[in-house]
């Protein structure tokens, strides 16, 4: 699936300054974090969404993101 977000040039500059050039990964991680915190995504779903090979990598990532 491809998700496209249209933003103004000014917004693009703000996004790049805040999150760097790999905004696609940043957005995906934000969705995973919010989904897990809200209970809409399980740990296993976060693992699959972010492409982790195992539960332990997922646990470590979740722990490092509060």
PDB file of N, CA and C in Angstrom:
ATOM      1  N   UNK A   1       0.839  -1.164   0.000  1.00  0.00           N
ATOM      2  CA  UNK A   1       0.000   0.000   0.000  1.00  0.00           C
ATOM      3  C   UNK A   1       0.894   1.240   0.000  1.00  0.00           C
ATOM      4  N   UNK A   2       0.466   2.213  -0.732  1.00  0.00           N
ATOM      5  CA  UNK A   2       1.163   3.489  -0.752  1.00  0.00           C
ATOM      6  C   UNK A   2       0.229   4.522  -0.144  1.00  0.00           C
ATOM      7  N   UNK A   3       0.736   5.274   0.794  1.00  0.00           N
ATOM      8  CA  UNK A   3      -0.017   6.338   1.437  1.00  0.00           C
ATOM      9  C   UNK A   3       0.647   7.651   1.081  1.00  0.00           C
ATOM     10  N   UNK A   4      -0.120   8.563   0.530  1.00  0.00           N
ATOM     11  CA  UNK A   4       0.422   9.846   0.119  1.00  0.00           C
ATOM     12  C   UNK A   4      -0.161  10.940   0.991  1.00  0.00           C
ATOM     13  N   UNK A   5       0.712  11.806   1.495  1.00  0.00           N
ATOM     14  CA  UNK A   5       0.288  12.951   2.293  1.00  0.00           C
ATOM     15  C   UNK A   5       0.744  14.206   1.566  1.00  0.00           C
ATOM     16  N   UNK A   6      -0.180  15.059   1.254  1.00  0.00           N
ATOM     17  CA  UNK A   6       0.157  16.312   0.589  1.00  0.00           C
ATOM     18  C   UNK A   6       0.350  17.402   1.644  1.00  0.00           C
ATOM     19  N   UNK A   7       1.508  18.041   1.599  1.00  0.00           N
ATOM     20  CA  UNK A   7       1.812  19.129   2.524  1.00  0.00           C
ATOM     21  C   UNK A   7       2.380  20.296   1.743  1.00  0.00           C
ATOM     22  N   UNK A   8       2.283  21.460   2.323  1.00  0.00           N
ATOM     23  CA  UNK A   8       2.855  22.644   1.686  1.00  0.00           C
ATOM     24  C   UNK A   8       4.377  22.585   1.779  1.00  0.00           C
ATOM     25  N   UNK A   9       5.034  23.409   1.000  1.00  0.00           N
ATOM     26  CA  UNK A   9       6.491  23.450   1.059  1.00  0.00           C
ATOM     27  C   UNK A   9       6.973  23.873   2.438  1.00  0.00           C
ATOM     28  N   UNK A  10       6.260  24.802   3.048  1.00  0.00           N
ATOM     29  CA  UNK A  10       6.632  25.247   4.392  1.00  0.00           C
ATOM     30  C   UNK A  10       6.516  24.098   5.386  1.00  0.00           C
ATOM     31  N   UNK A  11       5.442  23.318   5.273  1.00  0.00           N
ATOM     32  CA  UNK A  11       5.265  22.170   6.160  1.00  0.00           C
ATOM     33  C   UNK A  11       6.337  21.125   5.898  1.00  0.00           C
ATOM     34  N   UNK A  12       6.710  20.944   4.650  1.00  0.00           N
ATOM     35  CA  UNK A  12       7.765  19.988   4.317  1.00  0.00           C
ATOM     36  C   UNK A  12       9.071  20.376   4.991  1.00  0.00           C
ATOM     37  N   UNK A  13       9.391  21.657   4.976  1.00  0.00           N
ATOM     38  CA  UNK A  13      10.620  22.117   5.626  1.00  0.00           C
ATOM     39  C   UNK A  13      10.581  21.832   7.126  1.00  0.00           C
ATOM     40  N   UNK A  14       9.441  22.067   7.749  1.00  0.00           N
ATOM     41  CA  UNK A  14       9.293  21.803   9.186  1.00  0.00           C
ATOM     42  C   UNK A  14       9.455  20.315   9.468  1.00  0.00           C
ATOM     43  N   UNK A  15       8.817  19.478   8.647  1.00  0.00           N
ATOM     44  CA  UNK A  15       8.890  18.031   8.828  1.00  0.00           C
ATOM     45  C   UNK A  15      10.321  17.536   8.666  1.00  0.00           C
ATOM     46  N   UNK A  16      11.008  18.003   7.631  1.00  0.00           N
ATOM     47  CA  UNK A  16      12.395  17.567   7.411  1.00  0.00           C
ATOM     48  C   UNK A  16      13.312  18.011   8.556  1.00  0.00           C
ATOM     49  N   UNK A  17      13.094  19.213   9.057  1.00  0.00           N
ATOM     50  CA  UNK A  17      13.909  19.701  10.164  1.00  0.00           C
ATOM     51  C   UNK A  17      13.664  18.859  11.419  1.00  0.00           C
ATOM     52  N   UNK A  18      12.408  18.541  11.676  1.00  0.00           N
ATOM     53  CA  UNK A  18      12.066  17.802  12.891  1.00  0.00           C
ATOM     54  C   UNK A  18      12.396  16.322  12.816  1.00  0.00           C
ATOM     55  N   UNK A  19      12.199  15.706  11.630  1.00  0.00           N
ATOM     56  CA  UNK A  19      12.280  14.249  11.536  1.00  0.00           C
ATOM     57  C   UNK A  19      13.321  13.720  10.567  1.00  0.00           C
ATOM     58  N   UNK A  20      13.964  14.583   9.819  1.00  0.00           N
ATOM     59  CA  UNK A  20      14.965  14.130   8.859  1.00  0.00           C
ATOM     60  C   UNK A  20      14.340  13.702   7.541  1.00  0.00           C
ATOM     61  N   UNK A  21      15.158  13.086   6.699  1.00  0.00           N
ATOM     62  CA  UNK A  21      14.713  12.740   5.350  1.00  0.00           C
ATOM     63  C   UNK A  21      13.916  11.449   5.261  1.00  0.00           C
ATOM     64  N   UNK A  22      14.022  10.580   6.260  1.00  0.00           N
ATOM     65  CA  UNK A  22      13.315   9.304   6.188  1.00  0.00           C
ATOM     66  C   UNK A  22      11.958   9.418   6.892  1.00  0.00           C
ATOM     67  N   UNK A  23      11.146  10.325   6.395  1.00  0.00           N
ATOM     68  CA  UNK A  23       9.854  10.578   7.034  1.00  0.00           C
ATOM     69  C   UNK A  23       8.919   9.386   6.896  1.00  0.00           C
ATOM     70  N   UNK A  24       9.049   8.609   5.851  1.00  0.00           N
ATOM     71  CA  UNK A  24       8.191   7.438   5.685  1.00  0.00           C
ATOM     72  C   UNK A  24       8.342   6.488   6.873  1.00  0.00           C
ATOM     73  N   UNK A  25       9.568   6.202   7.261  1.00  0.00           N
ATOM     74  CA  UNK A  25       9.799   5.310   8.402  1.00  0.00           C
ATOM     75  C   UNK A  25       9.329   5.964   9.699  1.00  0.00           C
ATOM     76  N   UNK A  26       9.582   7.249   9.838  1.00  0.00           N
ATOM     77  CA  UNK A  26       9.153   7.970  11.029  1.00  0.00           C
ATOM     78  C   UNK A  26       7.638   7.915  11.179  1.00  0.00           C
ATOM     79  N   UNK A  27       6.921   8.116  10.080  1.00  0.00           N
ATOM     80  CA  UNK A  27       5.457   8.066  10.119  1.00  0.00           C
ATOM     81  C   UNK A  27       4.969   6.663  10.457  1.00  0.00           C
ATOM     82  N   UNK A  28       5.591   5.650   9.871  1.00  0.00           N
ATOM     83  CA  UNK A  28       5.211   4.270  10.146  1.00  0.00           C
ATOM     84  C   UNK A  28       5.432   3.933  11.620  1.00  0.00           C
ATOM     85  N   UNK A  29       6.547   4.370  12.167  1.00  0.00           N
ATOM     86  CA  UNK A  29       6.828   4.120  13.576  1.00  0.00           C
ATOM     87  C   UNK A  29       5.834   4.851  14.475  1.00  0.00           C
ATOM     88  N   UNK A  30       5.450   6.064  14.097  1.00  0.00           N
ATOM     89  CA  UNK A  30       4.461   6.813  14.883  1.00  0.00           C
ATOM     90  C   UNK A  30       3.120   6.090  14.891  1.00  0.00           C
ATOM     91  N   UNK A  31       2.740   5.529  13.758  1.00  0.00           N
ATOM     92  CA  UNK A  31       1.498   4.752  13.681  1.00  0.00           C
ATOM     93  C   UNK A  31       1.604   3.523  14.576  1.00  0.00           C
ATOM     94  N   UNK A  32       2.746   2.854  14.548  1.00  0.00           N
ATOM     95  CA  UNK A  32       2.943   1.669  15.374  1.00  0.00           C
ATOM     96  C   UNK A  32       2.876   2.012  16.860  1.00  0.00           C
ATOM     97  N   UNK A  33       3.535   3.084  17.253  1.00  0.00           N
ATOM     98  CA  UNK A  33       3.533   3.498  18.658  1.00  0.00           C
ATOM     99  C   UNK A  33       2.123   3.828  19.120  1.00  0.00           C
ATOM    100  N   UNK A  34       1.437   4.650  18.370  1.00  0.00           N
ATOM    101  CA  UNK A  34       0.084   5.041  18.767  1.00  0.00           C
ATOM    102  C   UNK A  34      -0.866   3.849  18.745  1.00  0.00           C
ATOM    103  N   UNK A  35      -0.734   2.996  17.747  1.00  0.00           N
ATOM    104  CA  UNK A  35      -1.573   1.810  17.678  1.00  0.00           C
ATOM    105  C   UNK A  35      -1.369   0.896  18.867  1.00  0.00           C
ATOM    106  N   UNK A  36      -0.123   0.731  19.287  1.00  0.00           N
ATOM    107  CA  UNK A  36       0.175  -0.136  20.432  1.00  0.00           C
ATOM    108  C   UNK A  36      -0.317   0.503  21.733  1.00  0.00           C
ATOM    109  N   UNK A  37      -0.050   1.799  21.902  1.00  0.00           N
ATOM    110  CA  UNK A  37      -0.481   2.487  23.132  1.00  0.00           C
ATOM    111  C   UNK A  37      -1.993   2.478  23.287  1.00  0.00           C
ATOM    112  N   UNK A  38      -2.702   2.620  22.186  1.00  0.00           N
ATOM    113  CA  UNK A  38      -4.169   2.680  22.244  1.00  0.00           C
ATOM    114  C   UNK A  38      -4.820   1.300  22.291  1.00  0.00           C
ATOM    115  N   UNK A  39      -4.017   0.255  22.132  1.00  0.00           N
ATOM    116  CA  UNK A  39      -4.543  -1.097  22.150  1.00  0.00           C
ATOM    117  C   UNK A  39      -5.120  -1.553  20.821  1.00  0.00           C
ATOM    118  N   UNK A  40      -4.950  -0.758  19.781  1.00  0.00           N
ATOM    119  CA  UNK A  40      -5.463  -1.128  18.459  1.00  0.00           C
ATOM    120  C   UNK A  40      -4.540  -2.093  17.731  1.00  0.00           C
ATOM    121  N   UNK A  41      -3.260  -2.114  18.121  1.00  0.00           N
ATOM    122  CA  UNK A  41      -2.292  -3.036  17.539  1.00  0.00           C
ATOM    123  C   UNK A  41      -1.680  -3.887  18.646  1.00  0.00           C
ATOM    124  N   UNK A  42      -1.518  -5.148  18.385  1.00  0.00           N
ATOM    125  CA  UNK A  42      -0.834  -6.044  19.323  1.00  0.00           C
ATOM    126  C   UNK A  42       0.678  -5.929  19.112  1.00  0.00           C
ATOM    127  N   UNK A  43       1.433  -6.511  20.022  1.00  0.00           N
ATOM    128  CA  UNK A  43       2.884  -6.546  19.874  1.00  0.00           C
ATOM    129  C   UNK A  43       3.268  -7.257  18.577  1.00  0.00           C
ATOM    130  N   UNK A  44       2.576  -8.353  18.273  1.00  0.00           N
ATOM    131  CA  UNK A  44       2.861  -9.100  17.048  1.00  0.00           C
ATOM    132  C   UNK A  44       2.562  -8.253  15.811  1.00  0.00           C
ATOM    133  N   UNK A  45       1.484  -7.489  15.830  1.00  0.00           N
ATOM    134  CA  UNK A  45       1.157  -6.631  14.692  1.00  0.00           C
ATOM    135  C   UNK A  45       2.208  -5.537  14.512  1.00  0.00           C
ATOM    136  N   UNK A  46       2.701  -4.990  15.616  1.00  0.00           N
ATOM    137  CA  UNK A  46       3.783  -4.002  15.541  1.00  0.00           C
ATOM    138  C   UNK A  46       5.026  -4.646  14.931  1.00  0.00           C
ATOM    139  N   UNK A  47       5.323  -5.863  15.347  1.00  0.00           N
ATOM    140  CA  UNK A  47       6.478  -6.594  14.797  1.00  0.00           C
ATOM    141  C   UNK A  47       6.368  -6.722  13.291  1.00  0.00           C
ATOM    142  N   UNK A  48       5.219  -7.128  12.812  1.00  0.00           N
ATOM    143  CA  UNK A  48       5.023  -7.306  11.375  1.00  0.00           C
ATOM    144  C   UNK A  48       5.044  -5.959  10.645  1.00  0.00           C
ATOM    145  N   UNK A  49       4.396  -4.968  11.233  1.00  0.00           N
ATOM    146  CA  UNK A  49       4.329  -3.641  10.617  1.00  0.00           C
ATOM    147  C   UNK A  49       5.716  -3.047  10.405  1.00  0.00           C
ATOM    148  N   UNK A  50       6.586  -3.228  11.403  1.00  0.00           N
ATOM    149  CA  UNK A  50       7.917  -2.619  11.332  1.00  0.00           C
ATOM    150  C   UNK A  50       8.982  -3.557  10.768  1.00  0.00           C
ATOM    151  N   UNK A  51       8.604  -4.799  10.487  1.00  0.00           N
ATOM    152  CA  UNK A  51       9.530  -5.727   9.849  1.00  0.00           C
ATOM    153  C   UNK A  51      10.583  -6.320  10.755  1.00  0.00           C
ATOM    154  N   UNK A  52      10.287  -6.413  12.053  1.00  0.00           N
ATOM    155  CA  UNK A  52      11.233  -7.045  12.971  1.00  0.00           C
ATOM    156  C   UNK A  52      11.182  -8.553  12.805  1.00  0.00           C
ATOM    157  N   UNK A  53      12.336  -9.194  12.996  1.00  0.00           N
ATOM    158  CA  UNK A  53      12.438 -10.642  12.811  1.00  0.00           C
ATOM    159  C   UNK A  53      11.881 -11.452  13.970  1.00  0.00           C
ATOM    160  N   UNK A  54      11.882 -10.846  15.160  1.00  0.00           N
ATOM    161  CA  UNK A  54      11.466 -11.632  16.321  1.00  0.00           C
ATOM    162  C   UNK A  54      10.854 -10.739  17.403  1.00  0.00           C
ATOM    163  N   UNK A  55      10.279 -11.420  18.374  1.00  0.00           N
ATOM    164  CA  UNK A  55       9.599 -10.739  19.476  1.00  0.00           C
ATOM    165  C   UNK A  55      10.560  -9.870  20.284  1.00  0.00           C
ATOM    166  N   UNK A  56      11.777 -10.351  20.444  1.00  0.00           N
ATOM    167  CA  UNK A  56      12.731  -9.641  21.300  1.00  0.00           C
ATOM    168  C   UNK A  56      13.131  -8.297  20.702  1.00  0.00           C
ATOM    169  N   UNK A  57      13.316  -8.245  19.395  1.00  0.00           N
ATOM    170  CA  UNK A  57      13.608  -6.962  18.748  1.00  0.00           C
ATOM    171  C   UNK A  57      12.435  -6.006  18.912  1.00  0.00           C
ATOM    172  N   UNK A  58      11.238  -6.542  18.816  1.00  0.00           N
ATOM    173  CA  UNK A  58      10.027  -5.725  18.980  1.00  0.00           C
ATOM    174  C   UNK A  58       9.949  -5.194  20.405  1.00  0.00           C
ATOM    175  N   UNK A  59      10.189  -6.057  21.390  1.00  0.00           N
ATOM    176  CA  UNK A  59      10.165  -5.645  22.792  1.00  0.00           C
ATOM    177  C   UNK A  59      11.183  -4.557  23.057  1.00  0.00           C
ATOM    178  N   UNK A  60      12.378  -4.726  22.514  1.00  0.00           N
ATOM    179  CA  UNK A  60      13.435  -3.737  22.701  1.00  0.00           C
ATOM    180  C   UNK A  60      13.034  -2.399  22.089  1.00  0.00           C
ATOM    181  N   UNK A  61      12.474  -2.456  20.865  1.00  0.00           N
ATOM    182  CA  UNK A  61      12.067  -1.231  20.195  1.00  0.00           C
ATOM    183  C   UNK A  61      10.950  -0.527  20.971  1.00  0.00           C
ATOM    184  N   UNK A  62       9.948  -1.300  21.391  1.00  0.00           N
ATOM    185  CA  UNK A  62       8.846  -0.711  22.158  1.00  0.00           C
ATOM    186  C   UNK A  62       9.360  -0.098  23.467  1.00  0.00           C
ATOM    187  N   UNK A  63      10.257  -0.800  24.129  1.00  0.00           N
ATOM    188  CA  UNK A  63      10.820  -0.277  25.375  1.00  0.00           C
ATOM    189  C   UNK A  63      11.574   1.020  25.181  1.00  0.00           C
ATOM    190  N   UNK A  64      12.283   1.122  24.074  1.00  0.00           N
ATOM    191  CA  UNK A  64      13.069   2.345  23.806  1.00  0.00           C
ATOM    192  C   UNK A  64      12.192   3.518  23.368  1.00  0.00           C
ATOM    193  N   UNK A  65      10.921   3.217  23.061  1.00  0.00           N
ATOM    194  CA  UNK A  65       9.998   4.271  22.638  1.00  0.00           C
ATOM    195  C   UNK A  65       8.878   4.504  23.675  1.00  0.00           C
ATOM    196  N   UNK A  66       9.167   4.097  24.885  1.00  0.00           N
ATOM    197  CA  UNK A  66       8.253   4.362  26.003  1.00  0.00           C
ATOM    198  C   UNK A  66       6.971   3.610  25.925  1.00  0.00           C
TER     199      UNK A  66
END
